[in-house]
Amino acid sequence: MTSYSLGFNFQPIEMGRNNTIKFCNFNVTYSEGLKEYRSVCWDIMLILANNTLLKKRVMNFLYDYANHFYGDVDIELVKGYCEYVEKLLSEICCDDIDFF
């Protein structure tokens, strides 16, 4: 669920009349409300990373997270959460992933 909550875009599909399908793409843009919401999500990830049974899943989430942002739009979102990523990497003792 966190990968959805911390996603960079959302792509719902809607069934329409006469056997039509509508594809939508919503990009996430930075706002104070989004920052507050995502901070809660990152705090939950830090709690999960404290559980030794979940460390591998947290690391897999971080790999997936890093592989799904594109260009300047997503970079603006990521900039505000580098401290959380750094804390997570430290908590799970991962030296496979780095950022700069």
C-alpha atoms as a PDB file:
ATOM      1  CA  MET A   1       0.000   0.000   0.000  1.00  0.00           C
ATOM      2  CA  THR A   2       2.869   2.364   0.701  1.00  0.00           C
ATOM      3  CA  SER A   3       4.153   2.105  -2.854  1.00  0.00           C
ATOM      4  CA  TYR A   4       0.735   3.346  -3.969  1.00  0.00           C
ATOM      5  CA  SER A   5       0.636   6.113  -1.345  1.00  0.00           C
ATOM      6  CA  LEU A   6       4.122   7.323  -2.228  1.00  0.00           C
ATOM      7  CA  GLY A   7       3.684   6.941  -5.995  1.00  0.00           C
ATOM      8  CA  PHE A   8       4.526   9.694  -8.448  1.00  0.00           C
ATOM      9  CA  ASN A   9       1.456   9.257 -10.611  1.00  0.00           C
ATOM     10  CA  PHE A  10      -1.798   7.356 -10.597  1.00  0.00           C
ATOM     11  CA  GLN A  11      -3.263   5.631 -13.619  1.00  0.00           C
ATOM     12  CA  PRO A  12      -6.845   4.562 -12.994  1.00  0.00           C
ATOM     13  CA  ILE A  13      -8.814   2.728 -15.651  1.00  0.00           C
ATOM     14  CA  GLU A  14     -12.521   3.308 -16.006  1.00  0.00           C
ATOM     15  CA  MET A  15     -15.019   1.169 -17.867  1.00  0.00           C
ATOM     16  CA  GLY A  16     -17.375   3.217 -20.007  1.00  0.00           C
ATOM     17  CA  ARG A  17     -20.487   2.668 -22.027  1.00  0.00           C
ATOM     18  CA  ASN A  18     -20.508   0.628 -25.240  1.00  0.00           C
ATOM     19  CA  ASN A  19     -17.499  -1.463 -24.199  1.00  0.00           C
ATOM     20  CA  THR A  20     -15.125   1.502 -23.940  1.00  0.00           C
ATOM     21  CA  ILE A  21     -12.209   1.878 -21.569  1.00  0.00           C
ATOM     22  CA  LYS A  22     -10.923   5.224 -20.350  1.00  0.00           C
ATOM     23  CA  PHE A  23      -7.274   5.467 -19.296  1.00  0.00           C
ATOM     24  CA  CYS A  24      -6.320   8.399 -17.081  1.00  0.00           C
ATOM     25  CA  ASN A  25      -2.948   9.615 -15.872  1.00  0.00           C
ATOM     26  CA  PHE A  26      -2.693  11.904 -12.848  1.00  0.00           C
ATOM     27  CA  ASN A  27       0.739  13.260 -11.970  1.00  0.00           C
ATOM     28  CA  VAL A  28       1.397  14.188  -8.365  1.00  0.00           C
ATOM     29  CA  THR A  29       2.451  17.774  -7.727  1.00  0.00           C
ATOM     30  CA  TYR A  30       4.038  19.123  -4.597  1.00  0.00           C
ATOM     31  CA  SER A  31       1.895  20.860  -1.983  1.00  0.00           C
ATOM     32  CA  GLU A  32       2.001  21.325   1.789  1.00  0.00           C
ATOM     33  CA  GLY A  33      -0.870  18.864   2.199  1.00  0.00           C
ATOM     34  CA  LEU A  34       0.998  16.278   0.139  1.00  0.00           C
ATOM     35  CA  LYS A  35       4.131  16.840   2.203  1.00  0.00           C
ATOM     36  CA  GLU A  36       2.212  16.257   5.434  1.00  0.00           C
ATOM     37  CA  TYR A  37       0.491  13.130   4.067  1.00  0.00           C
ATOM     38  CA  ARG A  38       3.699  11.616   2.732  1.00  0.00           C
ATOM     39  CA  SER A  39       5.576  12.363   5.936  1.00  0.00           C
ATOM     40  CA  VAL A  40       3.108  10.089   7.733  1.00  0.00           C
ATOM     41  CA  CYS A  41       3.703   7.385   5.097  1.00  0.00           C
ATOM     42  CA  TRP A  42       7.484   7.658   5.505  1.00  0.00           C
ATOM     43  CA  ASP A  43       7.128   7.476   9.303  1.00  0.00           C
ATOM     44  CA  ILE A  44       5.183   4.239   8.874  1.00  0.00           C
ATOM     45  CA  MET A  45       7.956   2.885   6.654  1.00  0.00           C
ATOM     46  CA  LEU A  46      10.487   3.684   9.394  1.00  0.00           C
ATOM     47  CA  ILE A  47       8.394   1.730  11.902  1.00  0.00           C
ATOM     48  CA  LEU A  48       8.236  -1.210   9.490  1.00  0.00           C
ATOM     49  CA  ALA A  49      12.001  -1.065   8.940  1.00  0.00           C
ATOM     50  CA  ASN A  50      12.500  -1.640  12.683  1.00  0.00           C
ATOM     51  CA  ASN A  51      10.937  -5.093  12.292  1.00  0.00           C
ATOM     52  CA  THR A  52      13.660  -7.572  11.300  1.00  0.00           C
ATOM     53  CA  LEU A  53      11.148  -9.672   9.360  1.00  0.00           C
ATOM     54  CA  LEU A  54      10.166  -6.701   7.191  1.00  0.00           C
ATOM     55  CA  LYS A  55      13.597  -5.192   6.415  1.00  0.00           C
ATOM     56  CA  LYS A  56      13.855  -7.066   3.112  1.00  0.00           C
ATOM     57  CA  ARG A  57      10.427  -5.802   2.038  1.00  0.00           C
ATOM     58  CA  VAL A  58      11.399  -2.237   2.929  1.00  0.00           C
ATOM     59  CA  MET A  59      14.568  -2.601   0.867  1.00  0.00           C
ATOM     60  CA  ASN A  60      12.514  -3.955  -2.067  1.00  0.00           C
ATOM     61  CA  PHE A  61      10.178  -0.979  -1.718  1.00  0.00           C
ATOM     62  CA  LEU A  62      13.147   1.421  -1.910  1.00  0.00           C
ATOM     63  CA  TYR A  63      14.475  -0.295  -5.039  1.00  0.00           C
ATOM     64  CA  ASP A  64      11.044  -0.025  -6.632  1.00  0.00           C
ATOM     65  CA  TYR A  65      10.621   3.585  -5.474  1.00  0.00           C
ATOM     66  CA  ALA A  66      13.959   4.591  -7.004  1.00  0.00           C
ATOM     67  CA  ASN A  67      13.093   2.914 -10.299  1.00  0.00           C
ATOM     68  CA  HIS A  68       9.800   4.734 -10.756  1.00  0.00           C
ATOM     69  CA  PHE A  69      10.645   8.400 -10.788  1.00  0.00           C
ATOM     70  CA  TYR A  70      11.305  10.278 -13.985  1.00  0.00           C
ATOM     71  CA  GLY A  71      12.781  13.661 -14.626  1.00  0.00           C
ATOM     72  CA  ASP A  72      12.367  17.034 -13.020  1.00  0.00           C
ATOM     73  CA  VAL A  73       8.740  16.667 -11.935  1.00  0.00           C
ATOM     74  CA  ASP A  74       9.440  13.671  -9.707  1.00  0.00           C
ATOM     75  CA  ILE A  75      12.778  15.053  -8.512  1.00  0.00           C
ATOM     76  CA  GLU A  76      10.923  17.929  -6.835  1.00  0.00           C
ATOM     77  CA  LEU A  77       8.873  15.388  -4.867  1.00  0.00           C
ATOM     78  CA  VAL A  78      11.897  13.300  -3.924  1.00  0.00           C
ATOM     79  CA  LYS A  79      13.957  16.253  -2.686  1.00  0.00           C
ATOM     80  CA  GLY A  80      11.661  16.721   0.285  1.00  0.00           C
ATOM     81  CA  TYR A  81      11.997  13.103   1.407  1.00  0.00           C
ATOM     82  CA  CYS A  82      15.729  12.425   1.168  1.00  0.00           C
ATOM     83  CA  GLU A  83      16.015  12.493   4.970  1.00  0.00           C
ATOM     84  CA  TYR A  84      13.471   9.659   5.202  1.00  0.00           C
ATOM     85  CA  VAL A  85      15.225   7.599   2.546  1.00  0.00           C
ATOM     86  CA  GLU A  86      18.533   8.104   4.343  1.00  0.00           C
ATOM     87  CA  LYS A  87      16.998   7.007   7.664  1.00  0.00           C
ATOM     88  CA  LEU A  88      15.474   3.931   6.025  1.00  0.00           C
ATOM     89  CA  LEU A  89      18.753   2.938   4.395  1.00  0.00           C
ATOM     90  CA  SER A  90      20.476   3.315   7.728  1.00  0.00           C
ATOM     91  CA  GLU A  91      17.787   1.345   9.569  1.00  0.00           C
ATOM     92  CA  ILE A  92      17.890  -1.603   7.184  1.00  0.00           C
ATOM     93  CA  CYS A  93      21.710  -1.447   6.981  1.00  0.00           C
ATOM     94  CA  CYS A  94      21.652  -1.293   3.212  1.00  0.00           C
ATOM     95  CA  ASP A  95      24.704  -0.229   1.269  1.00  0.00           C
ATOM     96  CA  ASP A  96      23.345  -1.490  -2.083  1.00  0.00           C
ATOM     97  CA  ILE A  97      21.352   1.717  -2.649  1.00  0.00           C
ATOM     98  CA  ASP A  98      22.760   5.223  -2.485  1.00  0.00           C
ATOM     99  CA  PHE A  99      21.621   8.663  -3.529  1.00  0.00           C
ATOM    100  CA  PHE A 100      23.294  12.001  -4.080  1.00  0.00           C
END
